[in-house]
PDB file of N, CA and C in Angstrom:
ATOM      1  N   MET A   1      90.739  87.504  85.494  1.00  0.00           N
ATOM      2  CA  MET A   1      90.584  88.469  86.566  1.00  0.00           C
ATOM      3  C   MET A   1      89.450  88.081  87.514  1.00  0.00           C
ATOM      4  N   ARG A   2      88.444  87.368  87.025  1.00  0.00           N
ATOM      5  CA  ARG A   2      87.324  87.017  87.897  1.00  0.00           C
ATOM      6  C   ARG A   2      87.771  86.115  89.029  1.00  0.00           C
ATOM      7  N   THR A   3      88.752  85.265  88.778  1.00  0.00           N
ATOM      8  CA  THR A   3      89.236  84.365  89.815  1.00  0.00           C
ATOM      9  C   THR A   3      90.411  84.970  90.568  1.00  0.00           C
ATOM     10  N   ALA A   4      91.269  85.692  89.881  1.00  0.00           N
ATOM     11  CA  ALA A   4      92.488  86.200  90.491  1.00  0.00           C
ATOM     12  C   ALA A   4      92.208  87.268  91.545  1.00  0.00           C
ATOM     13  N   LYS A   5      91.232  88.112  91.316  1.00  0.00           N
ATOM     14  CA  LYS A   5      90.974  89.207  92.254  1.00  0.00           C
ATOM     15  C   LYS A   5      90.557  88.700  93.638  1.00  0.00           C
ATOM     16  N   PRO A   6      89.596  87.775  93.757  1.00  0.00           N
ATOM     17  CA  PRO A   6      89.261  87.269  95.098  1.00  0.00           C
ATOM     18  C   PRO A   6      90.415  86.512  95.755  1.00  0.00           C
ATOM     19  N   ILE A   7      91.187  85.804  94.966  1.00  0.00           N
ATOM     20  CA  ILE A   7      92.323  85.075  95.534  1.00  0.00           C
ATOM     21  C   ILE A   7      93.342  86.059  96.101  1.00  0.00           C
ATOM     22  N   LEU A   8      93.616  87.132  95.391  1.00  0.00           N
ATOM     23  CA  LEU A   8      94.549  88.138  95.891  1.00  0.00           C
ATOM     24  C   LEU A   8      94.014  88.839  97.123  1.00  0.00           C
ATOM     25  N   LEU A   9      92.697  89.100  97.159  1.00  0.00           N
ATOM     26  CA  LEU A   9      92.101  89.759  98.312  1.00  0.00           C
ATOM     27  C   LEU A   9      92.184  88.902  99.571  1.00  0.00           C
ATOM     28  N   VAL A  10      92.256  87.590  99.413  1.00  0.00           N
ATOM     29  CA  VAL A  10      92.349  86.694 100.563  1.00  0.00           C
ATOM     30  C   VAL A  10      93.804  86.405 100.924  1.00  0.00           C
ATOM     31  N   THR A  11      94.623  86.118  99.931  1.00  0.00           N
ATOM     32  CA  THR A  11      95.980  85.667 100.230  1.00  0.00           C
ATOM     33  C   THR A  11      96.919  86.788 100.649  1.00  0.00           C
ATOM     34  N   THR A  12      96.684  88.012 100.216  1.00  0.00           N
ATOM     35  CA  THR A  12      97.578  89.106 100.589  1.00  0.00           C
ATOM     36  C   THR A  12      97.565  89.376 102.094  1.00  0.00           C
ATOM     37  N   PRO A  13      96.397  89.556 102.729  1.00  0.00           N
ATOM     38  CA  PRO A  13      96.427  89.746 104.188  1.00  0.00           C
ATOM     39  C   PRO A  13      96.972  88.537 104.939  1.00  0.00           C
ATOM     40  N   LEU A  14      96.699  87.338 104.432  1.00  0.00           N
ATOM     41  CA  LEU A  14      97.254  86.150 105.076  1.00  0.00           C
ATOM     42  C   LEU A  14      98.775  86.133 104.984  1.00  0.00           C
ATOM     43  N   GLY A  15      99.305  86.530 103.841  1.00  0.00           N
ATOM     44  CA  GLY A  15     100.756  86.584 103.678  1.00  0.00           C
ATOM     45  C   GLY A  15     101.400  87.635 104.557  1.00  0.00           C
ATOM     46  N   VAL A  16     100.738  88.777 104.702  1.00  0.00           N
ATOM     47  CA  VAL A  16     101.270  89.829 105.574  1.00  0.00           C
ATOM     48  C   VAL A  16     101.259  89.346 107.017  1.00  0.00           C
ATOM     49  N   ALA A  17     100.174  88.719 107.442  1.00  0.00           N
ATOM     50  CA  ALA A  17     100.096  88.200 108.809  1.00  0.00           C
ATOM     51  C   ALA A  17     101.147  87.128 109.054  1.00  0.00           C
ATOM     52  N   TRP A  18     101.326  86.247 108.094  1.00  0.00           N
ATOM     53  CA  TRP A  18     102.348  85.200 108.230  1.00  0.00           C
ATOM     54  C   TRP A  18     103.745  85.820 108.287  1.00  0.00           C
ATOM     55  N   GLY A  19     103.977  86.870 107.529  1.00  0.00           N
ATOM     56  CA  GLY A  19     105.263  87.553 107.566  1.00  0.00           C
ATOM     57  C   GLY A  19     105.520  88.182 108.928  1.00  0.00           C
ATOM     58  N   LEU A  20     104.489  88.737 109.551  1.00  0.00           N
ATOM     59  CA  LEU A  20     104.640  89.294 110.894  1.00  0.00           C
ATOM     60  C   LEU A  20     104.958  88.202 111.917  1.00  0.00           C
ATOM     61  N   VAL A  21     104.312  87.055 111.774  1.00  0.00           N
ATOM     62  CA  VAL A  21     104.587  85.938 112.683  1.00  0.00           C
ATOM     63  C   VAL A  21     106.028  85.472 112.541  1.00  0.00           C
ATOM     64  N   GLU A  22     106.476  85.319 111.310  1.00  0.00           N
ATOM     65  CA  GLU A  22     107.848  84.878 111.087  1.00  0.00           C
ATOM     66  C   GLU A  22     108.860  85.914 111.548  1.00  0.00           C
ATOM     67  N   ALA A  23     108.534  87.197 111.385  1.00  0.00           N
ATOM     68  CA  ALA A  23     109.417  88.248 111.874  1.00  0.00           C
ATOM     69  C   ALA A  23     109.503  88.190 113.396  1.00  0.00           C
ATOM     70  N   TRP A  24     108.380  87.926 114.063  1.00  0.00           N
ATOM     71  CA  TRP A  24     108.377  87.819 115.517  1.00  0.00           C
ATOM     72  C   TRP A  24     109.233  86.643 115.968  1.00  0.00           C
ATOM     73  N   ARG A  25     109.171  85.544 115.241  1.00  0.00           N
ATOM     74  CA  ARG A  25     109.984  84.373 115.582  1.00  0.00           C
ATOM     75  C   ARG A  25     111.467  84.646 115.386  1.00  0.00           C
ATOM     76  N   PHE A  26     111.791  85.478 114.399  1.00  0.00           N
ATOM     77  CA  PHE A  26     113.191  85.791 114.116  1.00  0.00           C
ATOM     78  C   PHE A  26     113.728  86.771 115.150  1.00  0.00           C
ATOM     79  N   HIS A  27     113.138  87.947 115.232  1.00  0.00           N
ATOM     80  CA  HIS A  27     113.458  88.970 116.228  1.00  0.00           C
ATOM     81  C   HIS A  27     112.183  89.749 116.492  1.00  0.00           C
ATOM     82  N   TRP A  28     111.808  89.891 117.755  1.00  0.00           N
ATOM     83  CA  TRP A  28     110.548  90.554 118.084  1.00  0.00           C
ATOM     84  C   TRP A  28     110.528  92.001 117.616  1.00  0.00           C
ATOM     85  N   TRP A  29     111.672  92.691 117.668  1.00  0.00           N
ATOM     86  CA  TRP A  29     111.695  94.096 117.284  1.00  0.00           C
ATOM     87  C   TRP A  29     111.478  94.273 115.787  1.00  0.00           C
ATOM     88  N   LEU A  30     111.836  93.261 115.005  1.00  0.00           N
ATOM     89  CA  LEU A  30     111.584  93.334 113.563  1.00  0.00           C
ATOM     90  C   LEU A  30     110.080  93.317 113.279  1.00  0.00           C
ATOM     91  N   ALA A  31     109.343  92.505 114.025  1.00  0.00           N
ATOM     92  CA  ALA A  31     107.891  92.463 113.862  1.00  0.00           C
ATOM     93  C   ALA A  31     107.269  93.790 114.290  1.00  0.00           C
ATOM     94  N   VAL A  32     107.814  94.414 115.331  1.00  0.00           N
ATOM     95  CA  VAL A  32     107.300  95.714 115.767  1.00  0.00           C
ATOM     96  C   VAL A  32     107.541  96.762 114.686  1.00  0.00           C
ATOM     97  N   LEU A  33     108.725  96.759 114.089  1.00  0.00           N
ATOM     98  CA  LEU A  33     109.016  97.700 113.005  1.00  0.00           C
ATOM     99  C   LEU A  33     108.102  97.461 111.801  1.00  0.00           C
ATOM    100  N   MET A  34     107.889  96.195 111.452  1.00  0.00           N
ATOM    101  CA  MET A  34     107.003  95.884 110.326  1.00  0.00           C
ATOM    102  C   MET A  34     105.577  96.308 110.621  1.00  0.00           C
ATOM    103  N   GLY A  35     105.117  96.099 111.854  1.00  0.00           N
ATOM    104  CA  GLY A  35     103.776  96.531 112.231  1.00  0.00           C
ATOM    105  C   GLY A  35     103.628  98.041 112.160  1.00  0.00           C
ATOM    106  N   GLY A  36     104.676  98.752 112.590  1.00  0.00           N
ATOM    107  CA  GLY A  36     104.649 100.215 112.484  1.00  0.00           C
ATOM    108  C   GLY A  36     104.596 100.675 111.040  1.00  0.00           C
ATOM    109  N   LEU A  37     105.362 100.028 110.188  1.00  0.00           N
ATOM    110  CA  LEU A  37     105.345 100.366 108.769  1.00  0.00           C
ATOM    111  C   LEU A  37     103.975 100.103 108.164  1.00  0.00           C
ATOM    112  N   LEU A  38     103.364  98.994 108.519  1.00  0.00           N
ATOM    113  CA  LEU A  38     102.012  98.701 108.029  1.00  0.00           C
ATOM    114  C   LEU A  38     101.018  99.750 108.518  1.00  0.00           C
ATOM    115  N   GLY A  39     101.194 100.205 109.740  1.00  0.00           N
ATOM    116  CA  GLY A  39     100.319 101.245 110.260  1.00  0.00           C
ATOM    117  C   GLY A  39     100.454 102.552 109.508  1.00  0.00           C
ATOM    118  N   VAL A  40     101.681 102.948 109.200  1.00  0.00           N
ATOM    119  CA  VAL A  40     101.906 104.191 108.461  1.00  0.00           C
ATOM    120  C   VAL A  40     101.351 104.087 107.044  1.00  0.00           C
ATOM    121  N   ILE A  41     101.586 102.974 106.385  1.00  0.00           N
ATOM    122  CA  ILE A  41     101.066 102.786 105.031  1.00  0.00           C
ATOM    123  C   ILE A  41      99.538 102.797 105.044  1.00  0.00           C
ATOM    124  N   SER A  42      98.930 102.148 106.030  1.00  0.00           N
ATOM    125  CA  SER A  42      97.470 102.135 106.136  1.00  0.00           C
ATOM    126  C   SER A  42      96.921 103.535 106.386  1.00  0.00           C
ATOM    127  N   LEU A  43      97.609 104.312 107.208  1.00  0.00           N
ATOM    128  CA  LEU A  43      97.182 105.685 107.474  1.00  0.00           C
ATOM    129  C   LEU A  43      97.215 106.529 106.201  1.00  0.00           C
ATOM    130  N   PHE A  44      98.266 106.396 105.412  1.00  0.00           N
ATOM    131  CA  PHE A  44      98.351 107.148 104.160  1.00  0.00           C
ATOM    132  C   PHE A  44      97.261 106.717 103.182  1.00  0.00           C
ATOM    133  N   MET A  45      97.007 105.411 103.086  1.00  0.00           N
ATOM    134  CA  MET A  45      95.953 104.944 102.180  1.00  0.00           C
ATOM    135  C   MET A  45      94.591 105.458 102.629  1.00  0.00           C
ATOM    136  N   TRP A  46      94.332 105.446 103.926  1.00  0.00           N
ATOM    137  CA  TRP A  46      93.061 105.948 104.456  1.00  0.00           C
ATOM    138  C   TRP A  46      92.896 107.442 104.156  1.00  0.00           C
ATOM    139  N   SER A  47      93.979 108.209 104.309  1.00  0.00           N
ATOM    140  CA  SER A  47      93.877 109.648 104.051  1.00  0.00           C
ATOM    141  C   SER A  47      93.645 109.933 102.568  1.00  0.00           C
ATOM    142  N   ILE A  48      94.227 109.145 101.693  1.00  0.00           N
ATOM    143  CA  ILE A  48      94.014 109.321 100.255  1.00  0.00           C
ATOM    144  C   ILE A  48      92.556 109.022  99.900  1.00  0.00           C
ATOM    145  N   VAL A  49      92.014 107.919 100.421  1.00  0.00           N
ATOM    146  CA  VAL A  49      90.622 107.558 100.148  1.00  0.00           C
ATOM    147  C   VAL A  49      89.688 108.629 100.700  1.00  0.00           C
ATOM    148  N   LYS A  50      89.984 109.138 101.889  1.00  0.00           N
ATOM    149  CA  LYS A  50      89.158 110.182 102.491  1.00  0.00           C
ATOM    150  C   LYS A  50      89.157 111.445 101.634  1.00  0.00           C
ATOM    151  N   ARG A  51      90.317 111.846 101.129  1.00  0.00           N
ATOM    152  CA  ARG A  51      90.405 113.043 100.290  1.00  0.00           C
ATOM    153  C   ARG A  51      89.652 112.853  98.981  1.00  0.00           C
ATOM    154  N   ILE A  52      89.789 111.686  98.350  1.00  0.00           N
ATOM    155  CA  ILE A  52      89.094 111.429  97.085  1.00  0.00           C
ATOM    156  C   ILE A  52      87.585 111.481  97.298  1.00  0.00           C
ATOM    157  N   ARG A  53      87.112 110.877  98.392  1.00  0.00           N
ATOM    158  CA  ARG A  53      85.674 110.909  98.666  1.00  0.00           C
ATOM    159  C   ARG A  53      85.196 112.311  98.947  1.00  0.00           C
ATOM    160  N   ALA A  54      86.001 113.127  99.610  1.00  0.00           N
ATOM    161  CA  ALA A  54      85.611 114.506  99.909  1.00  0.00           C
ATOM    162  C   ALA A  54      85.549 115.338  98.626  1.00  0.00           C
ATOM    163  N   GLU A  55      86.470 115.100  97.695  1.00  0.00           N
ATOM    164  CA  GLU A  55      86.482 115.881  96.456  1.00  0.00           C
ATOM    165  C   GLU A  55      85.360 115.449  95.510  1.00  0.00           C
ATOM    166  N   ARG A  56      84.850 114.252  95.652  1.00  0.00           N
ATOM    167  CA  ARG A  56      83.757 113.804  94.783  1.00  0.00           C
ATOM    168  C   ARG A  56      82.406 114.334  95.236  1.00  0.00           C
ATOM    169  N   GLN A  57      82.313 114.828  96.449  1.00  0.00           N
ATOM    170  CA  GLN A  57      81.055 115.368  96.948  1.00  0.00           C
ATOM    171  C   GLN A  57      80.676 116.608  96.161  1.00  0.00           C
ATOM    172  N   PRO A  58      79.405 116.704  95.759  1.00  0.00           N
ATOM    173  CA  PRO A  58      78.992 117.918  95.045  1.00  0.00           C
ATOM    174  C   PRO A  58      79.000 119.120  95.998  1.00  0.00           C
ATOM    175  N   PRO A  59      79.327 120.300  95.466  1.00  0.00           N
ATOM    176  CA  PRO A  59      79.415 121.484  96.318  1.00  0.00           C
ATOM    177  C   PRO A  59      78.087 121.956  96.877  1.00  0.00           C
TER     178      PRO A  59
END
């Protein structure tokens, strides 16, 4: 895990970016749809982290 975690943290965003590039080369609208999906997923992850941090605050 000491080696795998940093490798995953680097290669995952690179793979997503490469997938967007290849989608753009295939059909531009596919890359737009993928970018929108990434935006929605990121928004949900951000809202979950925000809620967890708010609930951990002492009253």
